[in-house]
Amino acid sequence: MTLEEQIARLEEQNYFQEKLLSQLNEALTFQQAQIDVLEKRIAELEQNVTSLLESSPQDAPANTLPPHYMPERY
């Protein structure tokens, strides 16, 4: 392989690596945006659950296992 062929091959590899790096960067950016949205939704759900627990009457029945639940069967 001549020097010019080696240089051309390296330039081709460089082009495809840059293209792949750009695609990976786009995918990572998209995933981070999705993570940010999901974290925001989780925070909102936590607030909703907290407000529901605070607004529930104090004389509400305890959230316990039903009488027919038998853990020894499982």
Protein backbone atom coordinates (compact mmCIF):
# COMPACT_ATOMS: atom_id res chain seq x y z
CA MET A 1 0.00 0.00 0.00
CA THR A 2 1.39 3.35 -0.98
CA LEU A 3 1.59 6.35 1.28
CA GLU A 4 -1.25 8.07 -0.58
CA GLU A 5 -3.48 5.00 -0.19
CA GLN A 6 -2.73 4.86 3.53
CA ILE A 7 -3.57 8.54 3.91
CA ALA A 8 -6.82 8.08 1.95
CA ARG A 9 -7.73 5.10 4.13
CA LEU A 10 -7.04 7.07 7.30
CA GLU A 11 -9.14 9.96 6.02
CA GLU A 12 -12.01 7.57 5.29
CA GLN A 13 -11.77 6.05 8.75
CA ASN A 14 -11.67 9.52 10.27
CA TYR A 15 -14.79 10.54 8.34
CA PHE A 16 -16.78 7.51 9.48
CA GLN A 17 -15.59 7.83 13.07
CA GLU A 18 -16.63 11.49 13.16
CA LYS A 19 -20.01 10.57 11.67
CA LEU A 20 -20.52 7.83 14.26
CA LEU A 21 -19.42 10.15 17.07
CA SER A 22 -21.96 12.72 15.92
CA GLN A 23 -24.73 10.11 15.88
CA LEU A 24 -23.78 8.89 19.35
CA ASN A 25 -23.77 12.47 20.63
CA GLU A 26 -27.27 13.03 19.24
CA ALA A 27 -28.53 9.82 20.85
CA LEU A 28 -26.96 10.73 24.18
CA THR A 29 -28.45 14.23 24.05
CA PHE A 30 -31.89 12.79 23.30
CA GLN A 31 -31.62 10.28 26.14
CA GLN A 32 -30.56 12.98 28.58
CA ALA A 33 -33.60 15.04 27.59
CA GLN A 34 -35.80 12.00 28.23
CA ILE A 35 -34.16 11.46 31.63
CA ASP A 36 -34.76 15.09 32.55
CA VAL A 37 -38.46 14.79 31.64
CA LEU A 38 -38.82 11.56 33.63
CA GLU A 39 -37.09 13.04 36.68
CA LYS A 40 -39.48 15.98 36.55
CA ARG A 41 -42.48 13.64 36.32
CA ILE A 42 -41.22 11.57 39.26
CA ALA A 43 -40.82 14.71 41.36
CA GLU A 44 -44.39 15.76 40.49
CA LEU A 45 -45.71 12.30 41.37
CA GLU A 46 -43.88 12.41 44.71
CA GLN A 47 -45.53 15.75 45.44
CA ASN A 48 -48.93 14.32 44.52
CA VAL A 49 -48.48 11.29 46.78
CA THR A 50 -47.26 13.46 49.63
CA SER A 51 -50.23 15.80 49.31
CA LEU A 52 -52.63 12.86 49.14
CA LEU A 53 -51.14 11.32 52.26
CA GLU A 54 -51.31 14.63 54.10
CA SER A 55 -54.91 15.23 53.08
CA SER A 56 -56.15 11.76 54.01
CA PRO A 57 -58.24 11.67 57.17
CA GLN A 58 -56.41 10.52 60.27
CA ASP A 59 -59.16 8.03 61.16
CA ALA A 60 -58.76 6.20 57.84
CA PRO A 61 -58.14 2.45 58.12
CA ALA A 62 -54.53 1.37 58.16
CA ASN A 63 -53.12 0.01 54.95
CA THR A 64 -52.45 -3.51 56.18
CA LEU A 65 -52.54 -6.98 54.68
CA PRO A 66 -56.00 -8.51 54.28
CA PRO A 67 -57.01 -11.21 56.76
CA HIS A 68 -56.95 -13.96 54.14
CA TYR A 69 -53.31 -13.26 53.22
CA MET A 70 -51.13 -16.13 54.33
CA PRO A 71 -47.43 -15.47 53.69
CA GLU A 72 -46.52 -19.06 54.54
CA ARG A 73 -48.25 -20.17 51.33
CA TYR A 74 -45.87 -18.19 49.14
